[in-house]
Amino acid sequence: MKLGINFFIEDIRFKFKGSRKIKEWIKEVIYSEGKDLGDINYIFTSDKYLLKINKEYLNHNYFTDIITFNYNEGNSIDGEIYISIDRVQENSIEYSDSFWKEFFRVMVHGILHLLGYDDGNEKVEKVMRKKEDFYLKILYTEILQSEK
């Protein structure tokens, strides 16, 4: 396994293009928050798989779109980010957004958790949503536009 940002797929069929660009974006998020990139693993999975993790490690018996395990050391951002592709798909329909916008939102949401942001109550959730929107704008205006 390489250090840096890695993508893994568990128990589903899933592909996305532009992983190099997405890695650039994630690095930009981390560096702009004054942190260093350590080892970050994204694991894309199903509702069933993520529910099992939610029950086993967090004692929660419900579906979720993301679970983040923080392994940070010092200024280095390290962790595992599990994302349910099933849940991302359902959320994109519920919020009338494209699958990819919701997918990237969840990806940056996990990074923001590793950076210390929380969404445990309405006040801090607003801060986190603003950060998500800010970094999604960077993704769409700077990173993905450079492909064209």
Foldseek 3Di string as FASTA:
>chain_A
DDWAEEEEEPPDDDDDPDPVLLSVLLQVLLVVLVAAETHEYEYEYAQVVVQVVCCPPVVDRDGDQWDWDFPDDDRYGYTYIYGHLHVLVVVCVVVVHDSVLSVQLSVVLRSVVSVPQDCPDDVSVVVSVVSSVVSSCCSVPPRVVVVD
